[in-house]
């Protein structure tokens, strides 16, 4: 056997035919069918104990065992679609049809809603399995198709599947949707006071954290000692205790001193006590964040400021703090998000309903109409949405502050260089780089010629 070889000539680029992997038709449908089987099996196993312990119906043990067995079969069927054995396709098809037939025959484990969900999933699974039959027993094709799906799309599908499971659980819980629609606006009005509490407290916390960090870094014994006591006390006691001390205990100091004016000064509203308590508590934790941010700035920056004749205040204001801000902002944003959720503790101070924050309003509405699950679900959803909004803006602020510190991505295309004329062609010396020996041109790499 002989093989023809051709020597590579100068100026030619050696190339080979690209490897092209053939993906069988229907691989995408086979992949989606596997995901659906795995999701349905996981759904059955996750909600089986929930259904058993939350329903008033007396479910026979045989039905419970069969329902759990079907969930296991669905997971196994979805997993076997990734194997090289083509007959696993029939097992997956039998698992999808068997689950639907059993649900119809048993009329669902607890209600017909389970039958409708099972039939819908089975219909989609069977359709995708039939369309993906050519890809059965070819796991490599599934891997290639999966690699072509964008990562963000996969994450979105996971989120949608999670929301579907939550929605299904809530549907099985017999929620009073009409009550939730009527009271959603009343509960949502508490967001105004929740945001106001958090904004007022974060401003106070930033101020206290800045002075606390400067005190911790100071060599002045008074400043260092006071800042150390402040952080130790407010980090060492619970936030709810601090709120009660500020709201209930401070007026007693003026009463013990028999000073009516002092009583009036120390008697705060629940809103004022909440802002003060949250600000002082989070300021103690953020003190260490600010201290770490200041210490992250190189000593050379401070020395350069001293060489320019700046005072301590000018050095901190113009040189150190602007650079520390980039380090401080991300954890400070996280503290603000946590603070918004901790505003719910202010409700324990007995806030007026007209000025109640989100949790207080949801508690009052739920207790009044005996709809605690619905009210707390609304409150949780609103807290979650509020957190998502501020997380988005925090990310944008971080990206803006990181400009100039994060290296830009490398350019995708090379700069075009002028073509050099071969030696001896055209006018002598034209196209030759000045100071470069023409004899060394051939020894340079191709991209530097």
Protein backbone atom coordinates (compact mmCIF):
# COMPACT_ATOMS: atom_id res chain seq x y z
CA UNK A 1 0.00 0.00 0.00
CA UNK A 2 1.39 3.36 -0.93
CA UNK A 3 0.58 6.76 0.34
CA UNK A 4 1.06 9.87 -1.73
CA UNK A 5 2.77 12.60 0.22
CA UNK A 6 3.31 16.10 -0.99
CA UNK A 7 6.02 18.22 0.59
CA UNK A 8 4.85 21.53 1.98
CA UNK A 9 6.10 24.39 -0.14
CA UNK A 10 7.15 27.78 1.17
CA UNK A 11 4.21 30.07 1.68
CA UNK A 12 1.69 27.22 1.80
CA UNK A 13 -0.36 26.44 4.86
CA UNK A 14 -0.84 22.84 5.81
CA UNK A 15 -4.53 22.12 6.28
CA UNK A 16 -6.61 19.08 6.93
CA UNK A 17 -10.25 18.36 6.37
CA UNK A 18 -12.27 19.41 9.44
CA UNK A 19 -13.81 16.66 11.53
CA UNK A 20 -17.55 16.70 11.16
CA UNK A 21 -19.61 14.60 13.51
CA UNK A 22 -22.99 13.56 12.18
CA UNK A 23 -25.78 14.14 14.66
CA UNK A 24 -28.75 11.82 14.08
CA UNK A 25 -32.08 13.48 13.43
CA UNK A 26 -34.25 13.64 16.49
CA UNK A 27 -31.39 13.95 18.97
CA UNK A 28 -32.82 17.17 20.36
CA UNK A 29 -36.24 15.56 20.93
CA UNK A 30 -34.58 12.57 22.61
CA UNK A 31 -32.70 14.94 24.90
CA UNK A 32 -35.84 16.86 25.86
CA UNK A 33 -37.69 13.59 26.49
CA UNK A 34 -34.93 12.50 28.87
CA UNK A 35 -35.14 15.81 30.74
CA UNK A 36 -38.92 15.53 31.03
CA UNK A 37 -38.76 11.99 32.37
CA UNK A 38 -36.15 12.95 34.94
CA UNK A 39 -38.15 16.04 35.96
CA UNK A 40 -41.42 14.12 36.33
CA UNK A 41 -39.76 11.37 38.37
CA UNK A 42 -38.11 13.91 40.66
CA UNK A 43 -41.41 15.77 40.97
CA UNK A 44 -43.20 12.59 42.05
CA UNK A 45 -40.60 11.67 44.66
CA UNK A 46 -40.29 15.21 46.04
CA UNK A 47 -44.01 15.78 46.51
CA UNK A 48 -44.93 12.26 47.59
CA UNK A 49 -44.24 12.93 51.30
CA UNK A 50 -45.80 16.38 50.99
CA UNK A 51 -49.01 14.90 49.59
CA UNK A 52 -49.09 12.15 52.20
CA UNK A 53 -48.65 14.38 55.24
CA UNK A 54 -50.76 17.35 54.10
CA UNK A 55 -53.89 15.66 52.76
CA UNK A 56 -56.85 14.56 54.86
CA UNK A 57 -57.53 11.57 52.58
CA UNK A 58 -56.63 8.07 53.76
CA UNK A 59 -54.24 6.87 51.05
CA UNK A 60 -53.71 3.08 50.92
CA UNK A 61 -50.06 2.03 51.45
CA UNK A 62 -50.15 0.14 48.14
CA UNK A 63 -50.96 3.32 46.23
CA UNK A 64 -48.17 5.17 48.01
CA UNK A 65 -45.68 2.44 47.11
CA UNK A 66 -46.88 2.32 43.49
CA UNK A 67 -46.67 6.11 43.14
CA UNK A 68 -43.12 6.11 44.49
CA UNK A 69 -42.17 3.18 42.26
CA UNK A 70 -43.44 5.02 39.20
CA UNK A 71 -41.30 7.99 40.14
CA UNK A 72 -38.24 5.76 40.36
CA UNK A 73 -39.08 4.15 37.00
CA UNK A 74 -39.37 7.57 35.36
CA UNK A 75 -35.97 8.63 36.67
CA UNK A 76 -34.40 5.36 35.57
CA UNK A 77 -36.05 5.64 32.14
CA UNK A 78 -34.77 9.16 31.64
CA UNK A 79 -31.27 8.18 32.73
CA UNK A 80 -31.16 5.10 30.50
CA UNK A 81 -31.76 7.24 27.43
CA UNK A 82 -28.14 8.32 27.84
CA UNK A 83 -26.92 4.71 27.52
CA UNK A 84 -25.69 2.93 24.39
CA UNK A 85 -28.36 0.24 24.60
CA UNK A 86 -31.06 1.08 22.03
CA UNK A 87 -33.69 -0.97 23.86
CA UNK A 88 -33.70 1.50 26.73
CA UNK A 89 -35.93 3.64 24.49
CA UNK A 90 -38.69 1.07 24.99
CA UNK A 91 -38.22 1.17 28.76
CA UNK A 92 -38.54 4.97 28.74
CA UNK A 93 -41.69 4.73 26.62
CA UNK A 94 -43.15 2.11 28.96
CA UNK A 95 -42.37 4.28 32.01
CA UNK A 96 -44.08 7.33 30.48
CA UNK A 97 -47.20 5.39 29.44
CA UNK A 98 -47.29 3.31 32.63
CA UNK A 99 -47.32 6.37 34.87
CA UNK A 100 -50.19 7.94 32.92
CA UNK A 101 -52.23 4.69 32.82
CA UNK A 102 -51.79 4.11 36.55
CA UNK A 103 -52.86 7.67 37.41
CA UNK A 104 -55.99 7.33 35.28
CA UNK A 105 -56.86 3.91 36.71
CA UNK A 106 -56.32 5.07 40.30
CA UNK A 107 -57.93 8.49 39.64
CA UNK A 108 -54.83 10.16 41.02
CA UNK A 109 -53.24 9.70 44.39
CA UNK A 110 -55.47 12.34 45.97
CA UNK A 111 -57.33 14.22 43.20
CA UNK A 112 -57.99 14.40 39.47
CA UNK A 113 -55.59 17.34 39.13
CA UNK A 114 -52.72 14.87 39.40
CA UNK A 115 -54.25 12.86 36.57
CA UNK A 116 -54.41 15.91 34.30
CA UNK A 117 -50.79 16.83 35.03
CA UNK A 118 -49.64 13.24 34.45
CA UNK A 119 -51.53 12.90 31.17
CA UNK A 120 -50.15 16.20 29.88
CA UNK A 121 -46.57 15.23 30.69
CA UNK A 122 -47.04 11.73 29.25
CA UNK A 123 -48.40 13.11 25.98
CA UNK A 124 -45.41 15.43 25.56
CA UNK A 125 -42.95 12.70 26.54
CA UNK A 126 -44.39 10.16 24.11
CA UNK A 127 -44.35 12.71 21.30
CA UNK A 128 -40.70 13.62 21.88
CA UNK A 129 -39.71 9.96 22.29
CA UNK A 130 -41.29 9.11 18.93
CA UNK A 131 -39.59 12.04 17.23
CA UNK A 132 -36.27 11.16 18.84
CA UNK A 133 -36.38 7.43 18.01
CA UNK A 134 -33.45 7.65 15.48
CA UNK A 135 -31.13 8.86 18.27
CA UNK A 136 -31.89 5.94 20.61
CA UNK A 137 -28.72 4.29 21.91
CA UNK A 138 -26.47 7.15 20.78
CA UNK A 139 -25.48 9.12 23.88
CA UNK A 140 -22.75 10.97 22.00
CA UNK A 141 -25.38 12.65 19.86
CA UNK A 142 -27.23 13.77 22.98
CA UNK A 143 -24.00 15.23 24.36
CA UNK A 144 -23.33 17.10 21.11
CA UNK A 145 -26.85 18.52 21.02
CA UNK A 146 -26.64 19.50 24.68
CA UNK A 147 -23.34 21.28 24.02
CA UNK A 148 -25.01 23.38 21.33
CA UNK A 149 -27.68 24.65 23.72
CA UNK A 150 -26.54 27.92 25.38
CA UNK A 151 -25.75 27.68 29.06
CA UNK A 152 -28.11 30.52 29.94
CA UNK A 153 -30.95 28.74 28.20
CA UNK A 154 -30.31 25.64 30.30
CA UNK A 155 -30.32 27.73 33.47
CA UNK A 156 -33.59 29.33 32.36
CA UNK A 157 -35.13 25.91 31.84
CA UNK A 158 -34.04 24.87 35.33
CA UNK A 159 -35.68 27.99 36.77
CA UNK A 160 -38.87 27.33 34.81
CA UNK A 161 -38.96 23.73 36.03
CA UNK A 162 -38.48 24.92 39.61
CA UNK A 163 -41.28 27.47 39.26
CA UNK A 164 -43.49 24.79 37.77
CA UNK A 165 -42.92 22.54 40.77
CA UNK A 166 -43.67 25.38 43.17
CA UNK A 167 -46.79 26.34 41.24
CA UNK A 168 -47.95 22.73 41.22
CA UNK A 169 -47.42 22.46 44.96
CA UNK A 170 -49.35 25.66 45.56
CA UNK A 171 -52.15 24.43 43.29
CA UNK A 172 -52.41 21.23 45.32
CA UNK A 173 -52.54 23.31 48.52
CA UNK A 174 -55.92 24.83 47.58
CA UNK A 175 -54.84 28.44 47.93
CA UNK A 176 -57.47 31.15 48.02
CA UNK A 177 -56.44 33.00 44.88
CA UNK A 178 -59.34 35.46 45.15
CA UNK A 179 -58.23 36.52 48.64
CA UNK A 180 -54.65 36.98 47.42
CA UNK A 181 -55.78 39.22 44.56
CA UNK A 182 -57.92 41.37 46.88
CA UNK A 183 -55.28 41.82 49.61
CA UNK A 184 -52.16 42.00 47.43
CA UNK A 185 -52.42 45.78 47.06
CA UNK A 186 -52.92 46.32 50.79
CA UNK A 187 -49.86 44.21 51.63
CA UNK A 188 -47.76 45.74 48.85
CA UNK A 189 -48.31 49.21 50.29
CA UNK A 190 -46.00 48.15 53.12
CA UNK A 191 -43.12 48.17 50.65
CA UNK A 192 -43.01 51.95 50.96
CA UNK A 193 -42.13 51.78 54.66
CA UNK A 194 -39.86 48.77 54.17
CA UNK A 195 -37.76 50.65 51.62
CA UNK A 196 -37.82 53.83 53.72
CA UNK A 197 -36.62 51.90 56.77
CA UNK A 198 -33.83 50.25 54.81
CA UNK A 199 -32.67 53.47 53.13
CA UNK A 200 -32.59 55.44 56.37
CA UNK A 201 -30.78 52.64 58.17
CA UNK A 202 -28.18 52.10 55.43
CA UNK A 203 -27.26 55.80 55.42
CA UNK A 204 -26.72 55.68 59.19
CA UNK A 205 -24.84 52.38 58.87
CA UNK A 206 -22.45 53.76 56.24
CA UNK A 207 -21.64 56.79 58.39
CA UNK A 208 -21.09 54.66 61.50
CA UNK A 209 -19.03 52.13 59.54
CA UNK A 210 -16.78 54.83 58.09
CA UNK A 211 -16.05 56.43 61.44
CA UNK A 212 -15.75 53.03 63.06
CA UNK A 213 -13.22 51.87 60.47
CA UNK A 214 -11.18 55.05 60.80
CA UNK A 215 -11.25 54.62 64.57
CA UNK A 216 -10.12 51.01 64.34
CA UNK A 217 -7.19 52.07 62.16
CA UNK A 218 -6.35 55.09 64.29
CA UNK A 219 -3.54 55.15 66.83
CA UNK A 220 -5.55 57.48 69.02
CA UNK A 221 -6.51 55.41 72.08
CA UNK A 222 -9.85 57.20 72.51
CA UNK A 223 -10.97 56.67 68.91
CA UNK A 224 -9.67 53.10 68.85
CA UNK A 225 -11.29 52.23 72.16
CA UNK A 226 -14.70 53.73 71.32
CA UNK A 227 -14.85 52.08 67.92
CA UNK A 228 -13.83 48.75 69.45
CA UNK A 229 -16.57 48.99 72.09
CA UNK A 230 -19.14 49.95 69.47
CA UNK A 231 -18.41 47.00 67.19
CA UNK A 232 -18.12 44.57 70.10
CA UNK A 233 -21.48 45.50 71.65
CA UNK A 234 -23.60 45.66 68.51
CA UNK A 235 -22.07 42.53 67.02
CA UNK A 236 -22.32 40.65 70.31
CA UNK A 237 -26.02 41.21 71.04
CA UNK A 238 -29.08 40.18 68.98
CA UNK A 239 -30.71 42.76 66.75
CA UNK A 240 -34.16 42.19 68.27
CA UNK A 241 -32.75 42.91 71.75
CA UNK A 242 -31.21 46.14 70.49
CA UNK A 243 -34.53 47.23 68.98
CA UNK A 244 -36.33 46.56 72.25
CA UNK A 245 -33.67 48.45 74.21
CA UNK A 246 -34.00 51.49 71.96
CA UNK A 247 -37.80 51.49 71.78
CA UNK A 248 -38.84 50.39 75.27
CA UNK A 249 -35.84 50.89 77.57
CA UNK A 250 -34.57 54.33 76.60
CA UNK A 251 -37.67 56.21 77.87
CA UNK A 252 -37.20 54.50 81.23
CA UNK A 253 -33.82 56.22 81.60
CA UNK A 254 -35.47 59.62 81.55
CA UNK A 255 -38.12 58.40 83.99
CA UNK A 256 -35.52 57.15 86.43
CA UNK A 257 -33.74 60.50 86.23
CA UNK A 258 -37.08 62.32 86.76
CA UNK A 259 -36.49 64.40 83.64
CA UNK A 260 -39.59 64.89 81.52
CA UNK A 261 -37.65 66.56 78.72
CA UNK A 262 -35.26 63.61 78.57
CA UNK A 263 -38.23 61.24 78.46
CA UNK A 264 -39.63 63.13 75.48
CA UNK A 265 -36.28 63.03 73.68
CA UNK A 266 -35.71 59.33 74.29
CA UNK A 267 -39.26 58.31 73.38
CA UNK A 268 -39.06 57.32 69.74
CA UNK A 269 -41.60 56.07 67.27
CA UNK A 270 -41.31 52.50 66.02
CA UNK A 271 -40.05 53.80 62.68
CA UNK A 272 -37.34 55.93 64.30
CA UNK A 273 -36.31 53.10 66.61
CA UNK A 274 -36.15 50.74 63.64
CA UNK A 275 -33.90 53.06 61.62
CA UNK A 276 -31.65 53.65 64.64
CA UNK A 277 -31.42 50.00 65.64
CA UNK A 278 -30.83 48.68 62.12
CA UNK A 279 -28.32 51.41 61.31
CA UNK A 280 -26.25 50.88 64.45
CA UNK A 281 -26.32 47.10 64.17
CA UNK A 282 -25.35 46.92 60.51
CA UNK A 283 -22.86 49.75 60.92
CA UNK A 284 -20.96 47.58 63.41
CA UNK A 285 -20.71 44.74 60.90
CA UNK A 286 -19.86 47.08 58.03
CA UNK A 287 -17.06 48.62 60.10
CA UNK A 288 -14.90 45.62 59.35
CA UNK A 289 -15.88 45.83 55.66
CA UNK A 290 -14.77 49.45 55.46
CA UNK A 291 -11.58 48.69 57.41
CA UNK A 292 -10.69 45.90 54.99
CA UNK A 293 -11.45 48.17 52.02
CA UNK A 294 -9.19 50.93 53.34
CA UNK A 295 -6.39 48.48 54.07
CA UNK A 296 -6.67 47.03 50.55
CA UNK A 297 -5.31 50.29 49.10
CA UNK A 298 -1.54 50.01 48.68
CA UNK A 299 0.76 51.86 51.03
CA UNK A 300 2.38 53.53 48.06
CA UNK A 301 -0.79 55.52 47.46
CA UNK A 302 -0.64 57.03 50.96
CA UNK A 303 3.08 57.69 50.63
CA UNK A 304 2.51 59.45 47.32
CA UNK A 305 -0.18 61.61 48.93
CA UNK A 306 2.17 62.48 51.78
CA UNK A 307 4.87 63.37 49.27
CA UNK A 308 2.46 65.82 47.64
CA UNK A 309 1.93 67.51 51.00
CA UNK A 310 -1.64 66.34 51.58
CA UNK A 311 -3.08 66.31 55.06
CA UNK A 312 -4.63 63.17 56.57
CA UNK A 313 -8.15 64.31 55.67
CA UNK A 314 -7.13 65.17 52.10
CA UNK A 315 -5.31 61.88 51.69
CA UNK A 316 -8.34 59.85 52.82
CA UNK A 317 -10.85 61.93 50.86
CA UNK A 318 -8.96 62.23 47.58
CA UNK A 319 -6.78 59.13 47.39
CA UNK A 320 -7.65 56.27 49.74
CA UNK A 321 -11.44 56.29 50.05
CA UNK A 322 -12.18 56.56 46.30
CA UNK A 323 -10.03 53.46 45.69
CA UNK A 324 -11.48 51.62 48.69
CA UNK A 325 -14.98 52.27 47.39
CA UNK A 326 -14.54 49.61 44.70
CA UNK A 327 -13.84 47.00 47.38
CA UNK A 328 -16.49 48.21 49.81
CA UNK A 329 -19.49 48.44 47.48
CA UNK A 330 -20.18 44.70 46.83
CA UNK A 331 -20.38 43.62 50.51
CA UNK A 332 -22.21 46.82 51.41
CA UNK A 333 -24.83 45.99 48.79
CA UNK A 334 -25.24 42.55 50.31
CA UNK A 335 -25.68 44.10 53.75
CA UNK A 336 -28.35 46.43 52.38
CA UNK A 337 -30.24 43.50 50.89
CA UNK A 338 -30.06 41.66 54.20
CA UNK A 339 -31.19 44.81 55.98
CA UNK A 340 -34.33 45.06 53.85
CA UNK A 341 -35.34 41.61 55.05
CA UNK A 342 -34.50 42.40 58.67
CA UNK A 343 -36.92 45.33 58.61
CA UNK A 344 -39.55 42.68 59.39
CA UNK A 345 -38.25 42.68 62.98
CA UNK A 346 -39.55 46.22 63.44
CA UNK A 347 -43.09 44.81 63.40
CA UNK A 348 -42.47 43.34 66.87
CA UNK A 349 -42.32 46.87 68.26
CA UNK A 350 -46.03 47.34 67.67
CA UNK A 351 -46.10 49.54 64.60
CA UNK A 352 -49.29 51.37 63.65
CA UNK A 353 -51.04 49.70 60.73
CA UNK A 354 -51.13 52.99 58.84
CA UNK A 355 -47.31 53.03 58.91
CA UNK A 356 -46.70 49.30 58.98
CA UNK A 357 -44.06 47.69 56.83
CA UNK A 358 -44.56 44.66 54.60
CA UNK A 359 -44.38 41.86 57.17
CA UNK A 360 -46.66 43.64 59.65
CA UNK A 361 -49.34 44.15 57.01
CA UNK A 362 -49.19 40.56 55.80
CA UNK A 363 -49.42 39.26 59.38
CA UNK A 364 -52.39 41.47 60.18
CA UNK A 365 -54.27 40.55 56.99
CA UNK A 366 -53.56 36.84 57.36
CA UNK A 367 -54.59 36.65 61.00
CA UNK A 368 -57.78 38.62 60.42
CA UNK A 369 -59.09 36.34 57.66
CA UNK A 370 -57.31 33.12 58.72
CA UNK A 371 -55.33 33.11 55.47
CA UNK A 372 -51.83 32.91 56.89
CA UNK A 373 -50.36 30.78 54.10
CA UNK A 374 -51.65 33.10 51.39
CA UNK A 375 -50.49 36.24 53.22
CA UNK A 376 -47.00 34.92 53.90
CA UNK A 377 -46.64 33.72 50.32
CA UNK A 378 -47.48 37.23 49.11
CA UNK A 379 -45.00 38.75 51.56
CA UNK A 380 -42.25 36.31 50.56
CA UNK A 381 -42.83 36.98 46.86
CA UNK A 382 -42.65 40.75 47.40
CA UNK A 383 -39.48 40.50 49.48
CA UNK A 384 -37.98 38.30 46.80
CA UNK A 385 -38.92 40.70 44.01
CA UNK A 386 -37.52 43.65 45.96
CA UNK A 387 -34.28 41.78 46.53
CA UNK A 388 -34.01 40.86 42.85
CA UNK A 389 -34.43 44.50 41.79
CA UNK A 390 -31.74 45.82 44.14
CA UNK A 391 -29.43 42.93 43.24
CA UNK A 392 -29.68 43.94 39.59
CA UNK A 393 -28.77 47.56 40.31
CA UNK A 394 -25.99 46.46 42.63
CA UNK A 395 -24.47 44.41 39.81
CA UNK A 396 -24.59 47.39 37.46
CA UNK A 397 -22.93 49.61 40.08
CA UNK A 398 -20.17 47.05 40.63
CA UNK A 399 -19.47 46.84 36.91
CA UNK A 400 -19.30 50.61 36.68
CA UNK A 401 -16.86 50.89 39.59
CA UNK A 402 -14.69 48.08 38.22
CA UNK A 403 -13.90 49.98 35.03
CA UNK A 404 -10.20 50.63 34.82
CA UNK A 405 -9.41 47.74 37.15
CA UNK A 406 -10.64 44.78 35.10
CA UNK A 407 -8.56 43.96 32.07
CA UNK A 408 -10.36 44.36 28.79
CA UNK A 409 -10.90 41.28 26.69
CA UNK A 410 -8.23 40.58 24.12
CA UNK A 411 -8.93 41.80 20.65
CA UNK A 412 -10.32 39.11 18.44
CA UNK A 413 -8.68 40.27 15.24
CA UNK A 414 -5.07 41.07 14.55
CA UNK A 415 -3.98 44.45 13.38
CA UNK A 416 -3.23 44.50 9.73
CA UNK A 417 0.42 45.01 8.91
CA UNK A 418 1.62 46.41 5.61
CA UNK A 419 2.78 43.74 3.23
CA UNK A 420 6.53 43.67 2.69
CA UNK A 421 7.88 43.50 -0.82
CA UNK A 422 10.26 40.68 -1.47
CA UNK A 423 13.92 41.56 -1.66
CA UNK A 424 14.84 42.31 -5.21
CA UNK A 425 11.31 43.13 -6.32
CA UNK A 426 10.34 46.68 -7.01
CA UNK A 427 12.54 49.46 -5.77
CA UNK A 428 15.34 48.40 -3.47
CA UNK A 429 14.60 48.75 0.23
CA UNK A 430 10.91 49.45 -0.29
CA UNK A 431 8.80 47.72 2.33
CA UNK A 432 11.77 46.77 4.50
CA UNK A 433 11.61 47.89 8.10
CA UNK A 434 14.33 50.46 8.83
CA UNK A 435 17.14 49.09 10.97
CA UNK A 436 16.31 45.46 10.05
CA UNK A 437 18.85 43.35 8.24
CA UNK A 438 17.12 41.90 5.14
CA UNK A 439 19.07 38.71 5.64
CA UNK A 440 17.27 38.04 8.95
CA UNK A 441 13.84 38.40 7.41
CA UNK A 442 13.59 34.73 6.58
CA UNK A 443 14.40 33.66 10.13
CA UNK A 444 11.58 35.67 11.72
CA UNK A 445 8.28 34.00 12.55
CA UNK A 446 5.60 34.30 9.90
CA UNK A 447 3.43 36.66 11.98
CA UNK A 448 6.37 39.08 12.52
CA UNK A 449 7.53 39.33 8.94
